[in-house]
Amino acid sequence: MNDDWLEMLHAMQQFKQFGRRIASHHHDNFTSSELELLSRLWMAKEPSTPIRLSKAMGMQQVNLSRLIKGLKIAGLIATCPNPMDKRSYMITITEEGERQMQESYDAYLRPMYRLRRQLGEEKFAHVLECITDVNNSLEI
């Protein structure tokens, strides 16, 4: 075993604590993945396919399918056949989905805005860059 295992254990705990603190302020019914899916559909302003969304979100299709199913049951997204590929379907955000998504942003992003205010723009951008580098290096 490496001599630095205690240091790495402490680092792991710091990452977990950060994740819990950022996520603990979210009191809405959406997970971050649900909110991201709704946001992508809203920003696209046109229907999208599950494959396109899966790639854009970096999410396995099986997990995205579960996400789509739940949001569709809740009436927040709608699906229709894909005219270009009969094996697939197109997904759009409903008016109710758009309304709930916009209401959720304030509560969901509040800790991030607070962190940016406390760190300042430059330090916040640096932290985000480091986290992005870490996430990219951990991709399988």
Protein backbone atom coordinates (compact mmCIF):
# COMPACT_ATOMS: atom_id res chain seq x y z
CA MET A 1 0.00 0.00 0.00
CA ASN A 2 1.20 3.51 -0.77
CA ASP A 3 2.35 5.65 2.14
CA ASP A 4 -0.09 8.40 1.22
CA TRP A 5 -3.29 6.41 1.81
CA LEU A 6 -4.34 8.63 4.72
CA GLU A 7 -3.91 11.71 2.55
CA MET A 8 -5.95 10.11 -0.25
CA LEU A 9 -8.65 9.06 2.22
CA HIS A 10 -8.85 12.66 3.44
CA ALA A 11 -9.02 13.90 -0.17
CA MET A 12 -11.86 11.46 -0.92
CA GLN A 13 -13.76 12.73 2.12
CA GLN A 14 -13.29 16.32 0.96
CA PHE A 15 -14.76 15.46 -2.46
CA LYS A 16 -17.73 13.70 -0.84
CA GLN A 17 -18.33 16.57 1.57
CA PHE A 18 -18.26 19.07 -1.30
CA GLY A 19 -20.78 16.99 -3.28
CA ARG A 20 -23.12 16.67 -0.31
CA ARG A 21 -22.96 20.39 0.49
CA ILE A 22 -23.66 21.44 -3.09
CA ALA A 23 -26.57 18.99 -3.44
CA SER A 24 -28.07 19.48 0.02
CA HIS A 25 -29.80 22.74 -0.86
CA HIS A 26 -31.88 21.19 -3.61
CA HIS A 27 -35.44 20.76 -2.34
CA ASP A 28 -37.31 20.35 -5.59
CA ASN A 29 -38.52 17.17 -7.16
CA PHE A 30 -35.84 17.11 -9.87
CA THR A 31 -32.49 15.38 -9.87
CA SER A 32 -29.62 17.13 -11.62
CA SER A 33 -29.98 14.70 -14.55
CA GLU A 34 -33.69 15.42 -14.92
CA LEU A 35 -33.08 19.15 -14.81
CA GLU A 36 -30.27 18.85 -17.36
CA LEU A 37 -32.48 16.83 -19.73
CA LEU A 38 -35.32 19.33 -19.49
CA SER A 39 -32.87 22.20 -20.01
CA ARG A 40 -31.33 20.62 -23.10
CA LEU A 41 -34.77 20.05 -24.62
CA TRP A 42 -35.83 23.60 -23.80
CA MET A 43 -32.66 25.17 -25.22
CA ALA A 44 -32.80 23.08 -28.40
CA LYS A 45 -36.27 24.44 -29.24
CA GLU A 46 -36.80 21.33 -31.36
CA PRO A 47 -37.33 17.60 -30.70
CA SER A 48 -34.31 15.46 -29.95
CA THR A 49 -33.56 11.74 -30.06
CA PRO A 50 -32.52 9.65 -27.06
CA ILE A 51 -29.19 8.85 -28.73
CA ARG A 52 -28.38 12.54 -29.26
CA LEU A 53 -29.32 13.36 -25.66
CA SER A 54 -27.35 10.40 -24.32
CA LYS A 55 -24.19 11.59 -26.06
CA ALA A 56 -24.70 15.23 -25.10
CA MET A 57 -25.26 14.37 -21.44
CA GLY A 58 -22.56 11.70 -21.22
CA MET A 59 -25.16 9.28 -19.91
CA GLN A 60 -25.69 5.62 -20.74
CA GLN A 61 -28.81 5.04 -22.81
CA VAL A 62 -30.35 2.67 -20.26
CA ASN A 63 -30.15 5.37 -17.58
CA LEU A 64 -31.49 8.01 -19.95
CA SER A 65 -34.41 5.72 -20.84
CA ARG A 66 -35.40 5.51 -17.17
CA LEU A 67 -35.14 9.27 -16.90
CA ILE A 68 -37.31 9.79 -19.98
CA LYS A 69 -39.91 7.32 -18.71
CA GLY A 70 -40.28 9.14 -15.40
CA LEU A 71 -40.50 12.59 -16.95
CA LYS A 72 -43.01 11.38 -19.52
CA ILE A 73 -45.24 9.83 -16.82
CA ALA A 74 -45.08 13.16 -14.96
CA GLY A 75 -46.21 14.98 -18.12
CA LEU A 76 -43.02 17.03 -18.35
CA ILE A 77 -41.88 15.68 -21.70
CA ALA A 78 -43.67 14.16 -24.70
CA THR A 79 -42.53 11.64 -27.26
CA CYS A 80 -43.53 11.00 -30.85
CA PRO A 81 -42.25 8.66 -33.58
CA ASN A 82 -39.02 9.67 -35.32
CA PRO A 83 -39.85 10.21 -39.01
CA MET A 84 -36.20 9.55 -39.96
CA ASP A 85 -35.84 6.28 -38.00
CA LYS A 86 -38.88 4.14 -37.19
CA ARG A 87 -36.94 2.36 -34.42
CA SER A 88 -36.48 5.62 -32.51
CA TYR A 89 -38.59 8.48 -31.21
CA MET A 90 -38.34 12.22 -30.71
CA ILE A 91 -38.59 13.96 -27.34
CA THR A 92 -39.88 17.45 -26.57
CA ILE A 93 -40.45 19.37 -23.37
CA THR A 94 -44.07 20.15 -22.52
CA GLU A 95 -45.32 23.53 -21.31
CA GLU A 96 -45.65 22.05 -17.82
CA GLY A 97 -42.09 20.71 -18.02
CA GLU A 98 -40.81 24.12 -19.04
CA ARG A 99 -42.71 25.82 -16.21
CA GLN A 100 -41.45 23.40 -13.54
CA MET A 101 -37.89 23.51 -14.88
CA GLN A 102 -37.75 27.29 -14.68
CA GLU A 103 -39.17 27.27 -11.15
CA SER A 104 -36.54 24.74 -10.05
CA TYR A 105 -33.47 26.65 -11.17
CA ASP A 106 -33.42 29.09 -8.30
CA ALA A 107 -33.42 26.43 -5.59
CA TYR A 108 -31.15 24.06 -7.46
CA LEU A 109 -28.47 26.55 -8.44
CA ARG A 110 -28.53 28.69 -5.29
CA PRO A 111 -25.42 27.00 -3.77
CA MET A 112 -23.48 27.43 -7.01
CA TYR A 113 -24.30 31.14 -7.22
CA ARG A 114 -23.34 31.53 -3.57
CA LEU A 115 -20.05 29.73 -4.17
CA ARG A 116 -19.27 31.96 -7.16
CA ARG A 117 -20.03 35.09 -5.12
CA GLN A 118 -17.84 33.93 -2.20
CA LEU A 119 -14.89 32.79 -4.33
CA GLY A 120 -15.06 35.53 -6.95
CA GLU A 121 -15.24 35.00 -10.70
CA GLU A 122 -11.58 34.12 -11.25
CA LYS A 123 -11.27 31.56 -8.45
CA PHE A 124 -14.67 30.05 -9.28
CA ALA A 125 -13.61 29.62 -12.93
CA HIS A 126 -10.38 27.95 -11.78
CA VAL A 127 -12.25 25.52 -9.49
CA LEU A 128 -14.64 24.68 -12.31
CA GLU A 129 -11.74 24.13 -14.70
CA CYS A 130 -10.07 21.76 -12.22
CA ILE A 131 -13.30 19.81 -11.64
CA THR A 132 -13.82 19.55 -15.40
CA ASP A 133 -10.27 18.23 -15.83
CA VAL A 134 -10.85 15.65 -13.10
CA ASN A 135 -14.16 14.53 -14.63
CA ASN A 136 -12.56 14.24 -18.08
CA SER A 137 -9.66 12.21 -16.69
CA LEU A 138 -12.09 9.80 -14.99
CA GLU A 139 -14.12 9.10 -18.14
CA ILE A 140 -14.10 5.48 -19.13
